[in-house]
Amino acid sequence: TNTITLNDTFASGEHALLTLRGGQWWLEDRGSSNGTLLNGYTVEEPTVISAGDVVGVGRVDLKIELE
């Protein structure tokens, strides 16, 4: 069911979710074992993300680029 899959043993099967709501992108952790990071901070609740933000999933960092 994942759109993006990562070959990383520290990433959970359903680790994080990005959704577009009301013209803004939101990031939320899906109960992952190792947590989801946004710019180095643990995501505790759904959070708005912006261009240039870095999302950490397992040992992988994903830089957000929006147009």
C-alpha atoms as a PDB file:
ATOM      1  CA  THR A   1       0.000   0.000   0.000  1.00  0.00           C
ATOM      2  CA  ASN A   2       3.054   2.279   0.063  1.00  0.00           C
ATOM      3  CA  THR A   3       3.707   4.832  -2.647  1.00  0.00           C
ATOM      4  CA  ILE A   4       7.373   5.120  -1.649  1.00  0.00           C
ATOM      5  CA  THR A   5       9.203   2.086  -0.308  1.00  0.00           C
ATOM      6  CA  LEU A   6      12.583   2.236   1.423  1.00  0.00           C
ATOM      7  CA  ASN A   7      15.028  -0.644   1.741  1.00  0.00           C
ATOM      8  CA  ASP A   8      15.893   0.199   5.351  1.00  0.00           C
ATOM      9  CA  THR A   9      15.421  -2.130   8.323  1.00  0.00           C
ATOM     10  CA  PHE A  10      14.821   0.915  10.569  1.00  0.00           C
ATOM     11  CA  ALA A  11      11.763   1.972   8.510  1.00  0.00           C
ATOM     12  CA  SER A  12       8.416   0.429   9.456  1.00  0.00           C
ATOM     13  CA  GLY A  13       6.083  -1.083   6.867  1.00  0.00           C
ATOM     14  CA  GLU A  14       3.645   1.839   7.231  1.00  0.00           C
ATOM     15  CA  HIS A  15       6.025   4.398   8.714  1.00  0.00           C
ATOM     16  CA  ALA A  16       4.671   7.859   7.848  1.00  0.00           C
ATOM     17  CA  LEU A  17       1.931   9.510   5.837  1.00  0.00           C
ATOM     18  CA  LEU A  18       2.008  12.664   3.701  1.00  0.00           C
ATOM     19  CA  THR A  19      -1.381  14.102   2.783  1.00  0.00           C
ATOM     20  CA  LEU A  20      -2.549  17.251   1.021  1.00  0.00           C
ATOM     21  CA  ARG A  21      -5.327  18.945   2.991  1.00  0.00           C
ATOM     22  CA  GLY A  22      -6.653  22.435   2.440  1.00  0.00           C
ATOM     23  CA  GLY A  23      -3.756  23.328   0.149  1.00  0.00           C
ATOM     24  CA  GLN A  24      -1.110  22.308   2.715  1.00  0.00           C
ATOM     25  CA  TRP A  25       0.996  19.171   2.989  1.00  0.00           C
ATOM     26  CA  TRP A  26       0.779  17.353   6.328  1.00  0.00           C
ATOM     27  CA  LEU A  27       3.149  14.759   7.778  1.00  0.00           C
ATOM     28  CA  GLU A  28       2.191  12.228  10.411  1.00  0.00           C
ATOM     29  CA  ASP A  29       3.870   9.235  11.971  1.00  0.00           C
ATOM     30  CA  ARG A  30       1.875   6.017  11.599  1.00  0.00           C
ATOM     31  CA  GLY A  31       2.957   4.419  14.889  1.00  0.00           C
ATOM     32  CA  SER A  32       6.393   3.500  13.564  1.00  0.00           C
ATOM     33  CA  SER A  33       8.894   1.729  15.803  1.00  0.00           C
ATOM     34  CA  ASN A  34      11.645   4.323  15.376  1.00  0.00           C
ATOM     35  CA  GLY A  35       9.569   7.469  14.941  1.00  0.00           C
ATOM     36  CA  THR A  36       9.436  10.019  12.140  1.00  0.00           C
ATOM     37  CA  LEU A  37      11.564  13.162  12.225  1.00  0.00           C
ATOM     38  CA  LEU A  38      10.902  16.583  10.745  1.00  0.00           C
ATOM     39  CA  ASN A  39      14.036  18.738  10.573  1.00  0.00           C
ATOM     40  CA  GLY A  40      15.556  16.616  13.335  1.00  0.00           C
ATOM     41  CA  TYR A  41      12.552  16.751  15.694  1.00  0.00           C
ATOM     42  CA  THR A  42      10.197  13.854  16.446  1.00  0.00           C
ATOM     43  CA  VAL A  43       6.759  14.195  14.853  1.00  0.00           C
ATOM     44  CA  GLU A  44       4.269  13.751  17.709  1.00  0.00           C
ATOM     45  CA  GLU A  45       1.105  14.861  15.864  1.00  0.00           C
ATOM     46  CA  PRO A  46       0.133  15.717  12.273  1.00  0.00           C
ATOM     47  CA  THR A  47       2.327  18.647  11.235  1.00  0.00           C
ATOM     48  CA  VAL A  48       2.344  20.999   8.239  1.00  0.00           C
ATOM     49  CA  ILE A  49       5.495  20.687   6.138  1.00  0.00           C
ATOM     50  CA  SER A  50       7.077  23.175   3.752  1.00  0.00           C
ATOM     51  CA  ALA A  51       9.565  23.184   0.879  1.00  0.00           C
ATOM     52  CA  GLY A  52      13.072  22.550   2.153  1.00  0.00           C
ATOM     53  CA  ASP A  53      11.966  20.530   5.182  1.00  0.00           C
ATOM     54  CA  VAL A  54      13.768  17.236   5.796  1.00  0.00           C
ATOM     55  CA  VAL A  55      11.726  14.178   6.777  1.00  0.00           C
ATOM     56  CA  GLY A  56      13.600  11.371   8.530  1.00  0.00           C
ATOM     57  CA  VAL A  57      12.289   7.834   8.053  1.00  0.00           C
ATOM     58  CA  GLY A  58      14.519   5.162   9.559  1.00  0.00           C
ATOM     59  CA  ARG A  59      18.060   5.980   8.431  1.00  0.00           C
ATOM     60  CA  VAL A  60      16.832   7.852   5.328  1.00  0.00           C
ATOM     61  CA  ASP A  61      16.413  11.615   5.057  1.00  0.00           C
ATOM     62  CA  LEU A  62      13.997  12.931   2.423  1.00  0.00           C
ATOM     63  CA  LYS A  63      14.172  16.610   1.442  1.00  0.00           C
ATOM     64  CA  ILE A  64      10.776  18.062   0.542  1.00  0.00           C
ATOM     65  CA  GLU A  65      10.564  19.976  -2.732  1.00  0.00           C
ATOM     66  CA  LEU A  66       7.227  21.568  -3.599  1.00  0.00           C
ATOM     67  CA  GLU A  67       6.213  23.501  -6.707  1.00  0.00           C
END
